Amino acid sequence: MRSPSLNTESLDRSSSSDLIAMETPVHLIPSALGELFAEVNHHRYITVADRYGLMAAIFDETLTEEEKRSIDRLLRAVYRGKIKLVNQLSMVNGF
């Protein structure tokens, strides 16, 4: 039996497009992270949209040390069970 051949030309093209996508900088709205922390700490849960916001924040190269420490505190609170993960997209208008 002959093994399927590998088309390296298509791999090269897809790899270069993946690299371009990875180099795009992420910049958050200036007050977004502070509002996220306030909401999560007030309600004691984090939604799917909040988690995506945190993932985006981690890739923001302009975060201050204070913001990075705040993210770490929030993640530790989730790990310790002080903040619950909910599978709802958002709590705004019951979504």
PDB file of N, CA and C in Angstrom:
ATOM      1  N   MET A   1       0.829  -1.189   0.000  1.00  0.00           N
ATOM      2  CA  MET A   1       0.000   0.000   0.000  1.00  0.00           C
ATOM      3  C   MET A   1       0.867   1.243   0.000  1.00  0.00           C
ATOM      4  N   ARG A   2       0.440   2.199  -0.715  1.00  0.00           N
ATOM      5  CA  ARG A   2       1.175   3.450  -0.811  1.00  0.00           C
ATOM      6  C   ARG A   2       0.602   4.441   0.194  1.00  0.00           C
ATOM      7  N   SER A   3       1.472   5.081   0.946  1.00  0.00           N
ATOM      8  CA  SER A   3       1.002   6.070   1.919  1.00  0.00           C
ATOM      9  C   SER A   3       0.657   7.368   1.203  1.00  0.00           C
ATOM     10  N   PRO A   4      -0.307   8.105   1.729  1.00  0.00           N
ATOM     11  CA  PRO A   4      -0.690   9.361   1.078  1.00  0.00           C
ATOM     12  C   PRO A   4       0.465  10.350   1.098  1.00  0.00           C
ATOM     13  N   SER A   5       0.593  11.092   0.004  1.00  0.00           N
ATOM     14  CA  SER A   5       1.685  12.065  -0.070  1.00  0.00           C
ATOM     15  C   SER A   5       1.289  13.344   0.671  1.00  0.00           C
ATOM     16  N   LEU A   6       2.275  14.044   1.117  1.00  0.00           N
ATOM     17  CA  LEU A   6       2.068  15.275   1.872  1.00  0.00           C
ATOM     18  C   LEU A   6       2.367  16.454   0.972  1.00  0.00           C
ATOM     19  N   ASN A   7       1.425  17.341   0.840  1.00  0.00           N
ATOM     20  CA  ASN A   7       1.601  18.522   0.012  1.00  0.00           C
ATOM     21  C   ASN A   7       2.233  19.619   0.862  1.00  0.00           C
ATOM     22  N   THR A   8       3.551  19.759   0.764  1.00  0.00           N
ATOM     23  CA  THR A   8       4.254  20.737   1.603  1.00  0.00           C
ATOM     24  C   THR A   8       3.996  22.176   1.165  1.00  0.00           C
ATOM     25  N   GLU A   9       3.643  22.369  -0.084  1.00  0.00           N
ATOM     26  CA  GLU A   9       3.368  23.730  -0.550  1.00  0.00           C
ATOM     27  C   GLU A   9       2.184  24.325   0.198  1.00  0.00           C
ATOM     28  N   SER A  10       1.119  23.545   0.395  1.00  0.00           N
ATOM     29  CA  SER A  10      -0.047  24.061   1.120  1.00  0.00           C
ATOM     30  C   SER A  10       0.279  24.271   2.590  1.00  0.00           C
ATOM     31  N   LEU A  11       1.162  23.440   3.154  1.00  0.00           N
ATOM     32  CA  LEU A  11       1.564  23.628   4.547  1.00  0.00           C
ATOM     33  C   LEU A  11       2.341  24.924   4.717  1.00  0.00           C
ATOM     34  N   ASP A  12       3.240  25.205   3.767  1.00  0.00           N
ATOM     35  CA  ASP A  12       4.026  26.424   3.850  1.00  0.00           C
ATOM     36  C   ASP A  12       3.134  27.662   3.813  1.00  0.00           C
ATOM     37  N   ARG A  13       2.130  27.655   2.939  1.00  0.00           N
ATOM     38  CA  ARG A  13       1.227  28.798   2.837  1.00  0.00           C
ATOM     39  C   ARG A  13       0.405  28.974   4.109  1.00  0.00           C
ATOM     40  N   SER A  14      -0.132  27.891   4.650  1.00  0.00           N
ATOM     41  CA  SER A  14      -0.965  28.008   5.842  1.00  0.00           C
ATOM     42  C   SER A  14      -0.122  28.410   7.037  1.00  0.00           C
ATOM     43  N   SER A  15       1.120  27.962   7.118  1.00  0.00           N
ATOM     44  CA  SER A  15       1.986  28.338   8.228  1.00  0.00           C
ATOM     45  C   SER A  15       2.280  29.826   8.213  1.00  0.00           C
ATOM     46  N   SER A  16       2.545  30.378   7.046  1.00  0.00           N
ATOM     47  CA  SER A  16       2.861  31.801   6.988  1.00  0.00           C
ATOM     48  C   SER A  16       1.632  32.647   7.317  1.00  0.00           C
ATOM     49  N   SER A  17       0.442  32.212   6.923  1.00  0.00           N
ATOM     50  CA  SER A  17      -0.755  32.988   7.269  1.00  0.00           C
ATOM     51  C   SER A  17      -1.042  32.895   8.751  1.00  0.00           C
ATOM     52  N   ASP A  18      -0.732  31.749   9.382  1.00  0.00           N
ATOM     53  CA  ASP A  18      -0.903  31.619  10.829  1.00  0.00           C
ATOM     54  C   ASP A  18       0.047  32.553  11.564  1.00  0.00           C
ATOM     55  N   LEU A  19       1.268  32.690  11.070  1.00  0.00           N
ATOM     56  CA  LEU A  19       2.233  33.568  11.710  1.00  0.00           C
ATOM     57  C   LEU A  19       1.797  35.020  11.640  1.00  0.00           C
ATOM     58  N   ILE A  20       1.226  35.417  10.526  1.00  0.00           N
ATOM     59  CA  ILE A  20       0.746  36.788  10.385  1.00  0.00           C
ATOM     60  C   ILE A  20      -0.366  37.057  11.385  1.00  0.00           C
ATOM     61  N   ALA A  21      -1.277  36.113  11.551  1.00  0.00           N
ATOM     62  CA  ALA A  21      -2.373  36.287  12.495  1.00  0.00           C
ATOM     63  C   ALA A  21      -1.858  36.372  13.922  1.00  0.00           C
ATOM     64  N   MET A  22      -0.803  35.641  14.250  1.00  0.00           N
ATOM     65  CA  MET A  22      -0.271  35.635  15.601  1.00  0.00           C
ATOM     66  C   MET A  22       0.465  36.930  15.940  1.00  0.00           C
ATOM     67  N   GLU A  23       0.950  37.654  14.958  1.00  0.00           N
ATOM     68  CA  GLU A  23       1.706  38.869  15.200  1.00  0.00           C
ATOM     69  C   GLU A  23       0.823  40.092  15.384  1.00  0.00           C
ATOM     70  N   THR A  24      -0.457  39.983  15.133  1.00  0.00           N
ATOM     71  CA  THR A  24      -1.351  41.115  15.270  1.00  0.00           C
ATOM     72  C   THR A  24      -1.466  41.490  16.739  1.00  0.00           C
ATOM     73  N   PRO A  25      -1.140  42.734  17.107  1.00  0.00           N
ATOM     74  CA  PRO A  25      -1.184  43.124  18.518  1.00  0.00           C
ATOM     75  C   PRO A  25      -2.619  43.250  19.020  1.00  0.00           C
ATOM     76  N   VAL A  26      -2.790  42.972  20.296  1.00  0.00           N
ATOM     77  CA  VAL A  26      -4.089  43.094  20.938  1.00  0.00           C
ATOM     78  C   VAL A  26      -4.056  44.335  21.818  1.00  0.00           C
ATOM     79  N   HIS A  27      -5.056  45.193  21.670  1.00  0.00           N
ATOM     80  CA  HIS A  27      -5.153  46.387  22.506  1.00  0.00           C
ATOM     81  C   HIS A  27      -6.569  46.456  23.068  1.00  0.00           C
ATOM     82  N   LEU A  28      -6.660  46.501  24.383  1.00  0.00           N
ATOM     83  CA  LEU A  28      -7.958  46.545  25.048  1.00  0.00           C
ATOM     84  C   LEU A  28      -8.467  47.967  25.143  1.00  0.00           C
ATOM     85  N   ILE A  29      -9.766  48.102  25.317  1.00  0.00           N
ATOM     86  CA  ILE A  29     -10.354  49.404  25.626  1.00  0.00           C
ATOM     87  C   ILE A  29      -9.831  49.772  27.014  1.00  0.00           C
ATOM     88  N   PRO A  30      -9.354  50.988  27.208  1.00  0.00           N
ATOM     89  CA  PRO A  30      -8.685  51.342  28.463  1.00  0.00           C
ATOM     90  C   PRO A  30      -9.433  50.978  29.749  1.00  0.00           C
ATOM     91  N   SER A  31     -10.723  51.136  29.796  1.00  0.00           N
ATOM     92  CA  SER A  31     -11.447  50.870  31.040  1.00  0.00           C
ATOM     93  C   SER A  31     -12.008  49.450  31.117  1.00  0.00           C
ATOM     94  N   ALA A  32     -11.827  48.644  30.076  1.00  0.00           N
ATOM     95  CA  ALA A  32     -12.454  47.321  30.004  1.00  0.00           C
ATOM     96  C   ALA A  32     -11.980  46.393  31.114  1.00  0.00           C
ATOM     97  N   LEU A  33     -10.702  46.369  31.374  1.00  0.00           N
ATOM     98  CA  LEU A  33     -10.172  45.451  32.373  1.00  0.00           C
ATOM     99  C   LEU A  33     -10.645  45.834  33.776  1.00  0.00           C
ATOM    100  N   GLY A  34     -10.645  47.107  34.087  1.00  0.00           N
ATOM    101  CA  GLY A  34     -11.123  47.564  35.393  1.00  0.00           C
ATOM    102  C   GLY A  34     -12.594  47.236  35.605  1.00  0.00           C
ATOM    103  N   GLU A  35     -13.394  47.429  34.571  1.00  0.00           N
ATOM    104  CA  GLU A  35     -14.820  47.104  34.670  1.00  0.00           C
ATOM    105  C   GLU A  35     -15.030  45.601  34.833  1.00  0.00           C
ATOM    106  N   LEU A  36     -14.234  44.811  34.130  1.00  0.00           N
ATOM    107  CA  LEU A  36     -14.322  43.358  34.257  1.00  0.00           C
ATOM    108  C   LEU A  36     -14.022  42.930  35.691  1.00  0.00           C
ATOM    109  N   PHE A  37     -12.951  43.458  36.281  1.00  0.00           N
ATOM    110  CA  PHE A  37     -12.602  43.115  37.661  1.00  0.00           C
ATOM    111  C   PHE A  37     -13.711  43.509  38.621  1.00  0.00           C
ATOM    112  N   ALA A  38     -14.255  44.704  38.437  1.00  0.00           N
ATOM    113  CA  ALA A  38     -15.306  45.181  39.338  1.00  0.00           C
ATOM    114  C   ALA A  38     -16.548  44.296  39.257  1.00  0.00           C
ATOM    115  N   GLU A  39     -16.973  43.966  38.049  1.00  0.00           N
ATOM    116  CA  GLU A  39     -18.164  43.126  37.870  1.00  0.00           C
ATOM    117  C   GLU A  39     -17.972  41.725  38.452  1.00  0.00           C
ATOM    118  N   VAL A  40     -16.828  41.126  38.154  1.00  0.00           N
ATOM    119  CA  VAL A  40     -16.567  39.768  38.627  1.00  0.00           C
ATOM    120  C   VAL A  40     -16.486  39.751  40.155  1.00  0.00           C
ATOM    121  N   ASN A  41     -15.805  40.711  40.737  1.00  0.00           N
ATOM    122  CA  ASN A  41     -15.687  40.748  42.195  1.00  0.00           C
ATOM    123  C   ASN A  41     -17.019  41.048  42.867  1.00  0.00           C
ATOM    124  N   HIS A  42     -17.855  41.839  42.237  1.00  0.00           N
ATOM    125  CA  HIS A  42     -19.168  42.160  42.814  1.00  0.00           C
ATOM    126  C   HIS A  42     -20.109  40.955  42.774  1.00  0.00           C
ATOM    127  N   HIS A  43     -20.198  40.303  41.613  1.00  0.00           N
ATOM    128  CA  HIS A  43     -21.156  39.213  41.421  1.00  0.00           C
ATOM    129  C   HIS A  43     -20.608  37.841  41.827  1.00  0.00           C
ATOM    130  N   ARG A  44     -19.277  37.714  41.914  1.00  0.00           N
ATOM    131  CA  ARG A  44     -18.607  36.472  42.310  1.00  0.00           C
ATOM    132  C   ARG A  44     -18.767  35.343  41.292  1.00  0.00           C
ATOM    133  N   TYR A  45     -18.938  35.678  40.027  1.00  0.00           N
ATOM    134  CA  TYR A  45     -18.931  34.696  38.951  1.00  0.00           C
ATOM    135  C   TYR A  45     -18.297  35.315  37.724  1.00  0.00           C
ATOM    136  N   ILE A  46     -17.848  34.451  36.818  1.00  0.00           N
ATOM    137  CA  ILE A  46     -17.224  34.916  35.583  1.00  0.00           C
ATOM    138  C   ILE A  46     -17.885  34.184  34.411  1.00  0.00           C
ATOM    139  N   THR A  47     -18.337  34.940  33.431  1.00  0.00           N
ATOM    140  CA  THR A  47     -19.051  34.381  32.280  1.00  0.00           C
ATOM    141  C   THR A  47     -18.071  33.987  31.175  1.00  0.00           C
ATOM    142  N   VAL A  48     -18.594  33.373  30.139  1.00  0.00           N
ATOM    143  CA  VAL A  48     -17.780  33.005  28.980  1.00  0.00           C
ATOM    144  C   VAL A  48     -17.184  34.263  28.337  1.00  0.00           C
ATOM    145  N   ALA A  49     -17.972  35.305  28.179  1.00  0.00           N
ATOM    146  CA  ALA A  49     -17.475  36.550  27.588  1.00  0.00           C
ATOM    147  C   ALA A  49     -16.368  37.151  28.449  1.00  0.00           C
ATOM    148  N   ASP A  50     -16.519  37.079  29.772  1.00  0.00           N
ATOM    149  CA  ASP A  50     -15.479  37.571  30.679  1.00  0.00           C
ATOM    150  C   ASP A  50     -14.183  36.788  30.476  1.00  0.00           C
ATOM    151  N   ARG A  51     -14.304  35.484  30.310  1.00  0.00           N
ATOM    152  CA  ARG A  51     -13.114  34.652  30.126  1.00  0.00           C
ATOM    153  C   ARG A  51     -12.403  34.988  28.818  1.00  0.00           C
ATOM    154  N   TYR A  52     -13.177  35.243  27.772  1.00  0.00           N
ATOM    155  CA  TYR A  52     -12.546  35.652  26.507  1.00  0.00           C
ATOM    156  C   TYR A  52     -11.871  37.009  26.658  1.00  0.00           C
ATOM    157  N   GLY A  53     -12.477  37.892  27.440  1.00  0.00           N
ATOM    158  CA  GLY A  53     -11.850  39.184  27.708  1.00  0.00           C
ATOM    159  C   GLY A  53     -10.525  39.028  28.436  1.00  0.00           C
ATOM    160  N   LEU A  54     -10.476  38.098  29.383  1.00  0.00           N
ATOM    161  CA  LEU A  54      -9.223  37.838  30.098  1.00  0.00           C
ATOM    162  C   LEU A  54      -8.169  37.242  29.171  1.00  0.00           C
ATOM    163  N   MET A  55      -8.589  36.350  28.279  1.00  0.00           N
ATOM    164  CA  MET A  55      -7.628  35.778  27.328  1.00  0.00           C
ATOM    165  C   MET A  55      -7.044  36.877  26.443  1.00  0.00           C
ATOM    166  N   ALA A  56      -7.878  37.783  25.993  1.00  0.00           N
ATOM    167  CA  ALA A  56      -7.392  38.892  25.170  1.00  0.00           C
ATOM    168  C   ALA A  56      -6.452  39.771  25.980  1.00  0.00           C
ATOM    169  N   ALA A  57      -6.781  40.005  27.235  1.00  0.00           N
ATOM    170  CA  ALA A  57      -5.958  40.854  28.082  1.00  0.00           C
ATOM    171  C   ALA A  57      -4.565  40.271  28.270  1.00  0.00           C
ATOM    172  N   ILE A  58      -4.481  38.969  28.388  1.00  0.00           N
ATOM    173  CA  ILE A  58      -3.185  38.324  28.594  1.00  0.00           C
ATOM    174  C   ILE A  58      -2.253  38.593  27.416  1.00  0.00           C
ATOM    175  N   PHE A  59      -2.801  38.724  26.214  1.00  0.00           N
ATOM    176  CA  PHE A  59      -1.986  38.962  25.030  1.00  0.00           C
ATOM    177  C   PHE A  59      -1.715  40.436  24.770  1.00  0.00           C
ATOM    178  N   ASP A  60      -2.253  41.323  25.586  1.00  0.00           N
ATOM    179  CA  ASP A  60      -2.019  42.755  25.422  1.00  0.00           C
ATOM    180  C   ASP A  60      -0.638  43.087  25.977  1.00  0.00           C
ATOM    181  N   GLU A  61       0.244  43.521  25.115  1.00  0.00           N
ATOM    182  CA  GLU A  61       1.624  43.803  25.525  1.00  0.00           C
ATOM    183  C   GLU A  61       1.762  45.101  26.313  1.00  0.00           C
ATOM    184  N   THR A  62       0.701  45.890  26.399  1.00  0.00           N
ATOM    185  CA  THR A  62       0.787  47.176  27.092  1.00  0.00           C
ATOM    186  C   THR A  62       0.243  47.120  28.517  1.00  0.00           C
ATOM    187  N   LEU A  63      -0.051  45.927  29.037  1.00  0.00           N
ATOM    188  CA  LEU A  63      -0.568  45.814  30.399  1.00  0.00           C
ATOM    189  C   LEU A  63       0.459  46.302  31.407  1.00  0.00           C
ATOM    190  N   THR A  64      -0.025  46.993  32.415  1.00  0.00           N
ATOM    191  CA  THR A  64       0.853  47.416  33.494  1.00  0.00           C
ATOM    192  C   THR A  64       1.067  46.244  34.449  1.00  0.00           C
ATOM    193  N   GLU A  65       2.062  46.366  35.306  1.00  0.00           N
ATOM    194  CA  GLU A  65       2.310  45.322  36.307  1.00  0.00           C
ATOM    195  C   GLU A  65       1.107  45.172  37.232  1.00  0.00           C
ATOM    196  N   GLU A  66       0.457  46.275  37.563  1.00  0.00           N
ATOM    197  CA  GLU A  66      -0.727  46.222  38.426  1.00  0.00           C
ATOM    198  C   GLU A  66      -1.856  45.435  37.759  1.00  0.00           C
ATOM    199  N   GLU A  67      -2.060  45.652  36.463  1.00  0.00           N
ATOM    200  CA  GLU A  67      -3.095  44.912  35.742  1.00  0.00           C
ATOM    201  C   GLU A  67      -2.766  43.428  35.675  1.00  0.00           C
ATOM    202  N   LYS A  68      -1.498  43.099  35.470  1.00  0.00           N
ATOM    203  CA  LYS A  68      -1.085  41.693  35.439  1.00  0.00           C
ATOM    204  C   LYS A  68      -1.322  41.035  36.799  1.00  0.00           C
ATOM    205  N   ARG A  69      -1.013  41.750  37.883  1.00  0.00           N
ATOM    206  CA  ARG A  69      -1.247  41.205  39.220  1.00  0.00           C
ATOM    207  C   ARG A  69      -2.738  41.026  39.478  1.00  0.00           C
ATOM    208  N   SER A  70      -3.555  41.944  38.972  1.00  0.00           N
ATOM    209  CA  SER A  70      -5.009  41.830  39.136  1.00  0.00           C
ATOM    210  C   SER A  70      -5.541  40.588  38.425  1.00  0.00           C
ATOM    211  N   ILE A  71      -5.026  40.324  37.240  1.00  0.00           N
ATOM    212  CA  ILE A  71      -5.430  39.118  36.510  1.00  0.00           C
ATOM    213  C   ILE A  71      -5.022  37.884  37.299  1.00  0.00           C
ATOM    214  N   ASP A  72      -3.807  37.889  37.836  1.00  0.00           N
ATOM    215  CA  ASP A  72      -3.348  36.753  38.644  1.00  0.00           C
ATOM    216  C   ASP A  72      -4.244  36.538  39.861  1.00  0.00           C
ATOM    217  N   ARG A  73      -4.623  37.627  40.553  1.00  0.00           N
ATOM    218  CA  ARG A  73      -5.507  37.504  41.718  1.00  0.00           C
ATOM    219  C   ARG A  73      -6.859  36.931  41.330  1.00  0.00           C
ATOM    220  N   LEU A  74      -7.379  37.377  40.201  1.00  0.00           N
ATOM    221  CA  LEU A  74      -8.671  36.889  39.726  1.00  0.00           C
ATOM    222  C   LEU A  74      -8.602  35.402  39.398  1.00  0.00           C
ATOM    223  N   LEU A  75      -7.551  34.985  38.724  1.00  0.00           N
ATOM    224  CA  LEU A  75      -7.395  33.567  38.389  1.00  0.00           C
ATOM    225  C   LEU A  75      -7.206  32.708  39.643  1.00  0.00           C
ATOM    226  N   ARG A  76      -6.480  33.218  40.631  1.00  0.00           N
ATOM    227  CA  ARG A  76      -6.331  32.481  41.891  1.00  0.00           C
ATOM    228  C   ARG A  76      -7.668  32.345  42.610  1.00  0.00           C
ATOM    229  N   ALA A  77      -8.493  33.400  42.558  1.00  0.00           N
ATOM    230  CA  ALA A  77      -9.815  33.342  43.194  1.00  0.00           C
ATOM    231  C   ALA A  77     -10.687  32.284  42.524  1.00  0.00           C
ATOM    232  N   VAL A  78     -10.586  32.162  41.206  1.00  0.00           N
ATOM    233  CA  VAL A  78     -11.331  31.114  40.493  1.00  0.00           C
ATOM    234  C   VAL A  78     -10.811  29.750  40.923  1.00  0.00           C
ATOM    235  N   TYR A  79      -9.497  29.599  40.973  1.00  0.00           N
ATOM    236  CA  TYR A  79      -8.895  28.325  41.346  1.00  0.00           C
ATOM    237  C   TYR A  79      -9.318  27.902  42.758  1.00  0.00           C
ATOM    238  N   ARG A  80      -9.408  28.855  43.672  1.00  0.00           N
ATOM    239  CA  ARG A  80      -9.775  28.560  45.057  1.00  0.00           C
ATOM    240  C   ARG A  80     -11.277  28.417  45.259  1.00  0.00           C
ATOM    241  N   GLY A  81     -12.055  28.663  44.212  1.00  0.00           N
ATOM    242  CA  GLY A  81     -13.498  28.496  44.305  1.00  0.00           C
ATOM    243  C   GLY A  81     -14.237  29.709  44.844  1.00  0.00           C
ATOM    244  N   LYS A  82     -13.542  30.830  44.994  1.00  0.00           N
ATOM    245  CA  LYS A  82     -14.186  32.042  45.500  1.00  0.00           C
ATOM    246  C   LYS A  82     -14.998  32.735  44.414  1.00  0.00           C
ATOM    247  N   ILE A  83     -14.639  32.484  43.170  1.00  0.00           N
ATOM    248  CA  ILE A  83     -15.379  33.002  42.014  1.00  0.00           C
ATOM    249  C   ILE A  83     -15.779  31.804  41.169  1.00  0.00           C
ATOM    250  N   LYS A  84     -17.039  31.729  40.831  1.00  0.00           N
ATOM    251  CA  LYS A  84     -17.580  30.591  40.081  1.00  0.00           C
ATOM    252  C   LYS A  84     -17.534  30.860  38.581  1.00  0.00           C
ATOM    253  N   LEU A  85     -17.308  29.803  37.824  1.00  0.00           N
ATOM    254  CA  LEU A  85     -17.396  29.873  36.369  1.00  0.00           C
ATOM    255  C   LEU A  85     -18.814  29.523  35.963  1.00  0.00           C
ATOM    256  N   VAL A  86     -19.442  30.360  35.147  1.00  0.00           N
ATOM    257  CA  VAL A  86     -20.772  30.055  34.631  1.00  0.00           C
ATOM    258  C   VAL A  86     -20.675  29.898  33.125  1.00  0.00           C
ATOM    259  N   ASN A  87     -21.503  29.047  32.565  1.00  0.00           N
ATOM    260  CA  ASN A  87     -21.450  28.765  31.137  1.00  0.00           C
ATOM    261  C   ASN A  87     -22.349  29.660  30.315  1.00  0.00           C
ATOM    262  N   GLN A  88     -22.798  30.741  30.883  1.00  0.00           N
ATOM    263  CA  GLN A  88     -23.598  31.693  30.124  1.00  0.00           C
ATOM    264  C   GLN A  88     -22.663  32.647  29.399  1.00  0.00           C
ATOM    265  N   LEU A  89     -23.052  33.045  28.203  1.00  0.00           N
ATOM    266  CA  LEU A  89     -22.231  33.948  27.417  1.00  0.00           C
ATOM    267  C   LEU A  89     -22.063  35.272  28.134  1.00  0.00           C
ATOM    268  N   SER A  90     -23.162  35.811  28.627  1.00  0.00           N
ATOM    269  CA  SER A  90     -23.144  37.093  29.302  1.00  0.00           C
ATOM    270  C   SER A  90     -24.326  37.148  30.252  1.00  0.00           C
ATOM    271  N   MET A  91     -24.226  37.954  31.255  1.00  0.00           N
ATOM    272  CA  MET A  91     -25.339  38.109  32.186  1.00  0.00           C
ATOM    273  C   MET A  91     -26.196  39.333  31.839  1.00  0.00           C
ATOM    274  N   VAL A  92     -25.787  40.085  30.844  1.00  0.00           N
ATOM    275  CA  VAL A  92     -26.548  41.253  30.410  1.00  0.00           C
ATOM    276  C   VAL A  92     -27.823  40.783  29.728  1.00  0.00           C
ATOM    277  N   ASN A  93     -28.956  41.224  30.192  1.00  0.00           N
ATOM    278  CA  ASN A  93     -30.268  40.888  29.624  1.00  0.00           C
ATOM    279  C   ASN A  93     -30.501  39.382  29.545  1.00  0.00           C
ATOM    280  N   GLY A  94     -29.908  38.624  30.448  1.00  0.00           N
ATOM    281  CA  GLY A  94     -30.156  37.190  30.516  1.00  0.00           C
ATOM    282  C   GLY A  94     -29.565  36.358  29.409  1.00  0.00           C
ATOM    283  N   PHE A  95     -28.580  36.884  28.661  1.00  0.00           N
ATOM    284  CA  PHE A  95     -27.970  36.120  27.573  1.00  0.00           C
ATOM    285  C   PHE A  95     -27.027  35.123  28.132  1.00  0.00           C
TER     286      PHE A  95
END
